[in-house]
Amino acid sequence: MRIVVQDAPFDLGAETAQFAAGHSNMGAVVTFTGVVRDSDAGSLEVMEIEHYPGMTERALTAIAEEAQQRWSLGDVLVIHRYGSLTHGEMIMMVATAARHRKDAFEAAEFLMDFLKSRAPFWKREVTAHGADWVAAKAEDEDALGRW
């Protein structure tokens, strides 16, 4: 398991290749990459993401450990960025490796749902009209109900 919280961009291809290498006994590798999207009005200048070092890594580790307990996983990778990001930039990546695709897919979805709703990151959208904190969405909370 590898948990990374960083301000620098990451290389999706390199991270995926490194994660998949050495898992010759795994039949499935699933990856998901989150990208900063523009606002509905097309006016996003920057997404500012804040976190508390130490606390964030512990929370992400706990979520990943729970996924490993629930599914038969060979490995888990979570990368999440912080700082100022513009639309189109990669914000996070989840990768799971398992002997069977069902475990890999379900664990990746679980991680994504819990990272979206429970990971201690605070996001603020800055537009030409000002800055607003991003509020939790009911559909993100509802997604947790299936787990």
N, C-alpha and C. Protein backbone atom coordinates (compact mmCIF):
# COMPACT_ATOMS: atom_id res chain seq x y z
N MET A 1 0.85 -1.17 0.00
CA MET A 1 0.00 0.00 0.00
C MET A 1 0.89 1.23 0.00
N ARG A 2 0.48 2.20 -0.82
CA ARG A 2 1.22 3.46 -0.86
C ARG A 2 0.21 4.60 -0.87
N ILE A 3 0.37 5.52 0.06
CA ILE A 3 -0.48 6.69 0.20
C ILE A 3 0.41 7.91 0.02
N VAL A 4 0.04 8.79 -0.91
CA VAL A 4 0.85 9.96 -1.20
C VAL A 4 -0.05 11.20 -1.21
N VAL A 5 0.34 12.21 -0.46
CA VAL A 5 -0.33 13.51 -0.48
C VAL A 5 0.74 14.51 -0.87
N GLN A 6 0.52 15.18 -2.00
CA GLN A 6 1.60 16.03 -2.55
C GLN A 6 1.02 17.22 -3.27
N ASP A 7 1.84 18.27 -3.41
CA ASP A 7 1.40 19.43 -4.17
C ASP A 7 1.81 19.32 -5.63
N ALA A 8 2.82 18.56 -5.93
CA ALA A 8 3.34 18.45 -7.30
C ALA A 8 2.45 17.56 -8.17
N PRO A 9 2.39 17.84 -9.47
CA PRO A 9 1.67 16.95 -10.38
C PRO A 9 2.30 15.56 -10.37
N PHE A 10 1.53 14.56 -10.78
CA PHE A 10 2.06 13.20 -10.89
C PHE A 10 1.91 12.73 -12.33
N ASP A 11 2.73 11.77 -12.69
CA ASP A 11 2.71 11.21 -14.04
C ASP A 11 1.83 9.96 -14.00
N LEU A 12 0.63 10.07 -14.56
CA LEU A 12 -0.33 8.99 -14.51
C LEU A 12 0.21 7.72 -15.14
N GLY A 13 0.82 7.83 -16.29
CA GLY A 13 1.37 6.65 -16.97
C GLY A 13 2.45 5.97 -16.16
N ALA A 14 3.36 6.76 -15.62
CA ALA A 14 4.46 6.20 -14.83
C ALA A 14 3.93 5.56 -13.54
N GLU A 15 2.99 6.23 -12.88
CA GLU A 15 2.42 5.69 -11.64
C GLU A 15 1.68 4.38 -11.91
N THR A 16 0.91 4.34 -12.99
CA THR A 16 0.17 3.13 -13.34
C THR A 16 1.12 1.99 -13.67
N ALA A 17 2.14 2.27 -14.48
CA ALA A 17 3.11 1.23 -14.85
C ALA A 17 3.85 0.72 -13.63
N GLN A 18 4.27 1.62 -12.75
CA GLN A 18 4.99 1.20 -11.54
C GLN A 18 4.09 0.37 -10.64
N PHE A 19 2.83 0.77 -10.52
CA PHE A 19 1.89 0.04 -9.68
C PHE A 19 1.65 -1.37 -10.22
N ALA A 20 1.46 -1.48 -11.52
CA ALA A 20 1.16 -2.77 -12.15
C ALA A 20 2.36 -3.71 -12.17
N ALA A 21 3.55 -3.16 -12.22
CA ALA A 21 4.76 -3.99 -12.28
C ALA A 21 4.92 -4.76 -10.97
N GLY A 22 5.32 -5.99 -11.09
CA GLY A 22 5.58 -6.79 -9.91
C GLY A 22 4.34 -7.46 -9.33
N HIS A 23 3.21 -7.32 -9.99
CA HIS A 23 1.99 -7.96 -9.52
C HIS A 23 1.60 -9.07 -10.49
N SER A 24 2.53 -9.95 -10.77
CA SER A 24 2.29 -11.00 -11.76
C SER A 24 1.22 -12.00 -11.30
N ASN A 25 0.94 -12.05 -10.01
CA ASN A 25 -0.10 -12.96 -9.52
C ASN A 25 -1.47 -12.27 -9.41
N MET A 26 -1.55 -11.03 -9.83
CA MET A 26 -2.81 -10.28 -9.82
C MET A 26 -3.42 -10.34 -11.22
N GLY A 27 -4.72 -10.60 -11.30
CA GLY A 27 -5.39 -10.67 -12.60
C GLY A 27 -6.04 -9.37 -13.01
N ALA A 28 -6.09 -8.39 -12.09
CA ALA A 28 -6.76 -7.13 -12.41
C ALA A 28 -6.06 -5.96 -11.74
N VAL A 29 -5.89 -4.90 -12.50
CA VAL A 29 -5.45 -3.62 -11.97
C VAL A 29 -6.46 -2.59 -12.44
N VAL A 30 -7.08 -1.90 -11.49
CA VAL A 30 -8.07 -0.87 -11.80
C VAL A 30 -7.52 0.47 -11.35
N THR A 31 -7.65 1.47 -12.21
CA THR A 31 -7.22 2.82 -11.85
C THR A 31 -8.35 3.81 -12.10
N PHE A 32 -8.35 4.84 -11.30
CA PHE A 32 -9.27 5.97 -11.49
C PHE A 32 -8.47 7.23 -11.26
N THR A 33 -8.69 8.22 -12.11
CA THR A 33 -8.03 9.51 -11.96
C THR A 33 -9.07 10.61 -11.92
N GLY A 34 -9.03 11.40 -10.88
CA GLY A 34 -9.92 12.56 -10.77
C GLY A 34 -9.25 13.78 -11.36
N VAL A 35 -10.02 14.58 -12.08
CA VAL A 35 -9.52 15.76 -12.76
C VAL A 35 -10.32 16.97 -12.29
N VAL A 36 -9.65 18.09 -12.07
CA VAL A 36 -10.34 19.32 -11.70
C VAL A 36 -11.17 19.76 -12.90
N ARG A 37 -12.47 19.91 -12.69
CA ARG A 37 -13.33 20.35 -13.79
C ARG A 37 -13.63 21.84 -13.64
N ASP A 38 -13.91 22.46 -14.77
CA ASP A 38 -14.27 23.87 -14.78
C ASP A 38 -15.64 24.04 -14.11
N SER A 39 -15.94 25.22 -13.67
CA SER A 39 -17.26 25.49 -13.08
C SER A 39 -18.31 25.44 -14.18
N ASP A 40 -19.57 25.33 -13.77
CA ASP A 40 -20.66 25.29 -14.75
C ASP A 40 -20.67 26.52 -15.64
N ALA A 41 -20.27 27.64 -15.09
CA ALA A 41 -20.24 28.89 -15.85
C ALA A 41 -18.96 29.02 -16.68
N GLY A 42 -18.04 28.07 -16.52
CA GLY A 42 -16.78 28.14 -17.26
C GLY A 42 -15.84 29.21 -16.78
N SER A 43 -15.95 29.55 -15.49
CA SER A 43 -15.16 30.67 -14.98
C SER A 43 -14.17 30.28 -13.88
N LEU A 44 -13.91 28.99 -13.70
CA LEU A 44 -12.97 28.59 -12.64
C LEU A 44 -11.57 29.07 -12.99
N GLU A 45 -11.00 29.82 -12.08
CA GLU A 45 -9.62 30.27 -12.25
C GLU A 45 -8.67 29.28 -11.58
N VAL A 46 -9.06 28.84 -10.37
CA VAL A 46 -8.21 27.90 -9.64
C VAL A 46 -9.04 27.19 -8.57
N MET A 47 -8.67 25.95 -8.29
CA MET A 47 -9.25 25.19 -7.18
C MET A 47 -8.15 25.13 -6.12
N GLU A 48 -8.42 25.67 -4.96
CA GLU A 48 -7.46 25.63 -3.86
C GLU A 48 -7.84 24.49 -2.93
N ILE A 49 -6.89 23.60 -2.67
CA ILE A 49 -7.14 22.44 -1.82
C ILE A 49 -6.22 22.51 -0.62
N GLU A 50 -6.82 22.45 0.56
CA GLU A 50 -6.06 22.50 1.80
C GLU A 50 -6.22 21.19 2.56
N HIS A 51 -5.26 20.91 3.43
CA HIS A 51 -5.33 19.72 4.28
C HIS A 51 -4.41 19.92 5.47
N TYR A 52 -4.53 19.02 6.46
CA TYR A 52 -3.64 19.04 7.61
C TYR A 52 -2.67 17.87 7.47
N PRO A 53 -1.39 18.15 7.22
CA PRO A 53 -0.41 17.07 7.09
C PRO A 53 -0.42 16.17 8.33
N GLY A 54 -0.25 14.91 8.11
CA GLY A 54 -0.28 13.93 9.19
C GLY A 54 -1.68 13.39 9.36
N MET A 55 -2.64 14.26 9.64
CA MET A 55 -4.02 13.84 9.79
C MET A 55 -4.55 13.27 8.48
N THR A 56 -4.25 13.94 7.39
CA THR A 56 -4.74 13.50 6.08
C THR A 56 -4.20 12.13 5.72
N GLU A 57 -2.90 11.95 5.87
CA GLU A 57 -2.29 10.66 5.53
C GLU A 57 -2.86 9.54 6.40
N ARG A 58 -3.08 9.80 7.68
CA ARG A 58 -3.68 8.78 8.56
C ARG A 58 -5.09 8.42 8.10
N ALA A 59 -5.87 9.42 7.71
CA ALA A 59 -7.23 9.16 7.26
C ALA A 59 -7.24 8.36 5.96
N LEU A 60 -6.38 8.71 5.02
CA LEU A 60 -6.31 7.98 3.75
C LEU A 60 -5.83 6.55 3.98
N THR A 61 -4.88 6.38 4.87
CA THR A 61 -4.38 5.04 5.20
C THR A 61 -5.50 4.19 5.80
N ALA A 62 -6.27 4.77 6.69
CA ALA A 62 -7.37 4.03 7.32
C ALA A 62 -8.41 3.59 6.28
N ILE A 63 -8.72 4.45 5.33
CA ILE A 63 -9.67 4.11 4.27
C ILE A 63 -9.09 2.98 3.41
N ALA A 64 -7.82 3.07 3.06
CA ALA A 64 -7.18 2.03 2.24
C ALA A 64 -7.09 0.70 3.00
N GLU A 65 -6.79 0.76 4.28
CA GLU A 65 -6.74 -0.47 5.09
C GLU A 65 -8.11 -1.13 5.17
N GLU A 66 -9.16 -0.32 5.28
CA GLU A 66 -10.51 -0.89 5.30
C GLU A 66 -10.81 -1.59 3.97
N ALA A 67 -10.41 -0.99 2.87
CA ALA A 67 -10.61 -1.63 1.56
C ALA A 67 -9.87 -2.96 1.50
N GLN A 68 -8.65 -3.00 2.02
CA GLN A 68 -7.88 -4.25 2.01
C GLN A 68 -8.54 -5.32 2.87
N GLN A 69 -9.21 -4.93 3.94
CA GLN A 69 -9.90 -5.89 4.80
C GLN A 69 -11.18 -6.42 4.16
N ARG A 70 -11.85 -5.57 3.38
CA ARG A 70 -13.13 -5.95 2.79
C ARG A 70 -12.98 -6.76 1.51
N TRP A 71 -11.93 -6.51 0.75
CA TRP A 71 -11.73 -7.19 -0.52
C TRP A 71 -10.37 -7.86 -0.54
N SER A 72 -10.24 -8.83 -1.38
CA SER A 72 -8.97 -9.56 -1.51
C SER A 72 -8.06 -8.79 -2.46
N LEU A 73 -7.32 -7.85 -1.89
CA LEU A 73 -6.45 -6.98 -2.69
C LEU A 73 -4.99 -7.35 -2.52
N GLY A 74 -4.26 -7.22 -3.59
CA GLY A 74 -2.82 -7.41 -3.53
C GLY A 74 -2.10 -6.11 -3.22
N ASP A 75 -2.73 -4.97 -3.61
CA ASP A 75 -2.08 -3.69 -3.40
C ASP A 75 -3.08 -2.56 -3.60
N VAL A 76 -2.76 -1.40 -3.00
CA VAL A 76 -3.58 -0.19 -3.12
C VAL A 76 -2.63 1.00 -3.26
N LEU A 77 -3.01 1.92 -4.14
CA LEU A 77 -2.29 3.18 -4.29
C LEU A 77 -3.31 4.31 -4.24
N VAL A 78 -3.02 5.33 -3.43
CA VAL A 78 -3.82 6.55 -3.41
C VAL A 78 -2.86 7.73 -3.49
N ILE A 79 -3.08 8.57 -4.50
CA ILE A 79 -2.34 9.82 -4.63
C ILE A 79 -3.37 10.93 -4.61
N HIS A 80 -3.16 11.94 -3.77
CA HIS A 80 -4.08 13.09 -3.75
C HIS A 80 -3.23 14.36 -3.66
N ARG A 81 -3.57 15.31 -4.49
CA ARG A 81 -2.84 16.57 -4.50
C ARG A 81 -3.51 17.63 -3.64
N TYR A 82 -2.74 18.64 -3.30
CA TYR A 82 -3.25 19.82 -2.61
C TYR A 82 -2.57 21.03 -3.22
N GLY A 83 -3.03 22.20 -2.83
CA GLY A 83 -2.46 23.44 -3.38
C GLY A 83 -3.43 24.04 -4.39
N SER A 84 -2.91 24.85 -5.29
CA SER A 84 -3.72 25.53 -6.31
C SER A 84 -3.64 24.76 -7.62
N LEU A 85 -4.80 24.29 -8.08
CA LEU A 85 -4.87 23.53 -9.32
C LEU A 85 -5.86 24.21 -10.27
N THR A 86 -5.60 24.11 -11.55
CA THR A 86 -6.50 24.66 -12.54
C THR A 86 -7.29 23.54 -13.20
N HIS A 87 -8.39 23.92 -13.87
CA HIS A 87 -9.22 22.89 -14.49
C HIS A 87 -8.40 22.13 -15.53
N GLY A 88 -8.64 20.82 -15.55
CA GLY A 88 -7.89 19.94 -16.43
C GLY A 88 -6.73 19.23 -15.74
N GLU A 89 -6.31 19.74 -14.58
CA GLU A 89 -5.21 19.09 -13.86
C GLU A 89 -5.71 17.87 -13.08
N MET A 90 -4.85 16.86 -13.00
CA MET A 90 -5.18 15.68 -12.20
C MET A 90 -5.10 16.03 -10.73
N ILE A 91 -6.14 15.67 -9.99
CA ILE A 91 -6.21 15.98 -8.56
C ILE A 91 -5.92 14.75 -7.71
N MET A 92 -6.32 13.56 -8.23
CA MET A 92 -6.10 12.34 -7.44
C MET A 92 -6.09 11.11 -8.33
N MET A 93 -5.56 10.05 -7.75
CA MET A 93 -5.51 8.76 -8.42
C MET A 93 -5.71 7.66 -7.39
N VAL A 94 -6.50 6.66 -7.77
CA VAL A 94 -6.68 5.46 -6.97
C VAL A 94 -6.33 4.28 -7.87
N ALA A 95 -5.59 3.34 -7.33
CA ALA A 95 -5.31 2.10 -8.06
C ALA A 95 -5.46 0.93 -7.10
N THR A 96 -6.07 -0.14 -7.61
CA THR A 96 -6.20 -1.37 -6.83
C THR A 96 -5.74 -2.54 -7.68
N ALA A 97 -5.13 -3.51 -7.03
CA ALA A 97 -4.71 -4.74 -7.71
C ALA A 97 -5.32 -5.91 -6.94
N ALA A 98 -5.88 -6.86 -7.70
CA ALA A 98 -6.50 -8.03 -7.08
C ALA A 98 -6.39 -9.21 -8.04
N ARG A 99 -6.57 -10.39 -7.50
CA ARG A 99 -6.54 -11.59 -8.34
C ARG A 99 -7.72 -11.58 -9.31
N HIS A 100 -8.85 -10.98 -8.89
CA HIS A 100 -10.06 -10.99 -9.71
C HIS A 100 -10.60 -9.57 -9.86
N ARG A 101 -11.15 -9.29 -11.03
CA ARG A 101 -11.58 -7.93 -11.35
C ARG A 101 -12.67 -7.40 -10.43
N LYS A 102 -13.57 -8.25 -9.97
CA LYS A 102 -14.66 -7.77 -9.11
C LYS A 102 -14.10 -7.11 -7.85
N ASP A 103 -13.14 -7.74 -7.21
CA ASP A 103 -12.52 -7.15 -6.02
C ASP A 103 -11.84 -5.83 -6.35
N ALA A 104 -11.11 -5.80 -7.46
CA ALA A 104 -10.38 -4.59 -7.84
C ALA A 104 -11.34 -3.44 -8.14
N PHE A 105 -12.41 -3.70 -8.90
CA PHE A 105 -13.38 -2.65 -9.22
C PHE A 105 -14.14 -2.17 -7.99
N GLU A 106 -14.65 -3.10 -7.19
CA GLU A 106 -15.43 -2.71 -6.01
C GLU A 106 -14.58 -1.93 -5.01
N ALA A 107 -13.36 -2.38 -4.80
CA ALA A 107 -12.48 -1.68 -3.86
C ALA A 107 -12.15 -0.27 -4.37
N ALA A 108 -11.92 -0.14 -5.67
CA ALA A 108 -11.63 1.18 -6.24
C ALA A 108 -12.83 2.11 -6.07
N GLU A 109 -14.04 1.60 -6.31
CA GLU A 109 -15.24 2.43 -6.12
C GLU A 109 -15.42 2.83 -4.67
N PHE A 110 -15.20 1.89 -3.76
CA PHE A 110 -15.27 2.16 -2.33
C PHE A 110 -14.29 3.28 -1.96
N LEU A 111 -13.06 3.15 -2.41
CA LEU A 111 -12.05 4.17 -2.11
C LEU A 111 -12.46 5.54 -2.66
N MET A 112 -12.93 5.56 -3.89
CA MET A 112 -13.32 6.83 -4.49
C MET A 112 -14.48 7.47 -3.72
N ASP A 113 -15.48 6.67 -3.36
CA ASP A 113 -16.62 7.20 -2.62
C ASP A 113 -16.20 7.76 -1.26
N PHE A 114 -15.35 7.03 -0.55
CA PHE A 114 -14.94 7.48 0.77
C PHE A 114 -13.96 8.64 0.69
N LEU A 115 -13.10 8.66 -0.32
CA LEU A 115 -12.19 9.79 -0.48
C LEU A 115 -12.97 11.06 -0.78
N LYS A 116 -13.99 10.95 -1.60
CA LYS A 116 -14.80 12.11 -1.98
C LYS A 116 -15.52 12.72 -0.77
N SER A 117 -15.99 11.85 0.12
CA SER A 117 -16.82 12.33 1.23
C SER A 117 -16.13 12.42 2.58
N ARG A 118 -15.10 11.62 2.80
CA ARG A 118 -14.54 11.53 4.15
C ARG A 118 -13.07 11.94 4.27
N ALA A 119 -12.39 12.06 3.16
CA ALA A 119 -10.98 12.47 3.24
C ALA A 119 -10.92 13.93 3.69
N PRO A 120 -10.04 14.26 4.62
CA PRO A 120 -9.99 15.62 5.17
C PRO A 120 -9.25 16.61 4.26
N PHE A 121 -9.92 16.95 3.16
CA PHE A 121 -9.44 17.99 2.26
C PHE A 121 -10.52 19.06 2.20
N TRP A 122 -10.12 20.31 2.11
CA TRP A 122 -11.04 21.42 1.99
C TRP A 122 -10.74 22.10 0.67
N LYS A 123 -11.81 22.28 -0.13
CA LYS A 123 -11.65 22.81 -1.49
C LYS A 123 -12.38 24.14 -1.61
N ARG A 124 -11.70 25.05 -2.27
CA ARG A 124 -12.28 26.37 -2.51
C ARG A 124 -12.13 26.71 -3.98
N GLU A 125 -13.25 27.05 -4.62
CA GLU A 125 -13.23 27.45 -6.02
C GLU A 125 -13.05 28.96 -6.11
N VAL A 126 -12.06 29.36 -6.89
CA VAL A 126 -11.82 30.78 -7.12
C VAL A 126 -12.22 31.09 -8.56
N THR A 127 -13.15 32.02 -8.71
CA THR A 127 -13.59 32.45 -10.03
C THR A 127 -13.41 33.96 -10.15
N ALA A 128 -13.73 34.49 -11.29
CA ALA A 128 -13.66 35.94 -11.49
C ALA A 128 -14.64 36.67 -10.58
N HIS A 129 -15.63 35.96 -10.06
CA HIS A 129 -16.65 36.57 -9.21
C HIS A 129 -16.37 36.43 -7.72
N GLY A 130 -15.27 35.76 -7.36
CA GLY A 130 -14.94 35.58 -5.95
C GLY A 130 -14.54 34.15 -5.65
N ALA A 131 -14.53 33.81 -4.37
CA ALA A 131 -14.12 32.48 -3.94
C ALA A 131 -15.18 31.89 -3.02
N ASP A 132 -15.45 30.61 -3.22
CA ASP A 132 -16.43 29.91 -2.38
C ASP A 132 -15.90 28.53 -2.02
N TRP A 133 -16.12 28.12 -0.76
CA TRP A 133 -15.78 26.77 -0.34
C TRP A 133 -16.75 25.79 -1.00
N VAL A 134 -16.24 24.65 -1.39
CA VAL A 134 -17.07 23.62 -2.02
C VAL A 134 -17.81 22.86 -0.93
N ALA A 135 -19.12 22.86 -1.01
CA ALA A 135 -19.95 22.17 -0.02
C ALA A 135 -20.10 20.70 -0.37
N ALA A 136 -20.33 19.89 0.65
CA ALA A 136 -20.60 18.46 0.43
C ALA A 136 -21.88 18.33 -0.38
N LYS A 137 -21.92 17.31 -1.22
CA LYS A 137 -23.10 17.06 -2.06
C LYS A 137 -23.86 15.86 -1.54
N ALA A 138 -25.18 15.96 -1.57
CA ALA A 138 -26.02 14.87 -1.06
C ALA A 138 -25.75 13.57 -1.81
N GLU A 139 -25.54 13.63 -3.12
CA GLU A 139 -25.30 12.40 -3.88
C GLU A 139 -23.99 11.72 -3.49
N ASP A 140 -22.99 12.51 -3.07
CA ASP A 140 -21.73 11.90 -2.59
C ASP A 140 -21.97 11.17 -1.27
N GLU A 141 -22.75 11.78 -0.39
CA GLU A 141 -23.09 11.14 0.88
C GLU A 141 -23.93 9.90 0.65
N ASP A 142 -24.89 10.00 -0.27
CA ASP A 142 -25.75 8.84 -0.59
C ASP A 142 -24.94 7.67 -1.12
N ALA A 143 -23.87 7.94 -1.86
CA ALA A 143 -23.04 6.88 -2.43
C ALA A 143 -22.42 6.01 -1.33
N LEU A 144 -22.20 6.58 -0.17
CA LEU A 144 -21.60 5.82 0.93
C LEU A 144 -22.53 4.75 1.48
N GLY A 145 -23.82 4.93 1.27
CA GLY A 145 -24.81 4.02 1.82
C GLY A 145 -24.69 2.60 1.28
N ARG A 146 -24.14 2.43 0.10
CA ARG A 146 -24.04 1.08 -0.45
C ARG A 146 -22.90 0.28 0.16
N TRP A 147 -22.02 0.95 0.90
CA TRP A 147 -20.88 0.23 1.50
C TRP A 147 -21.18 -0.07 2.96
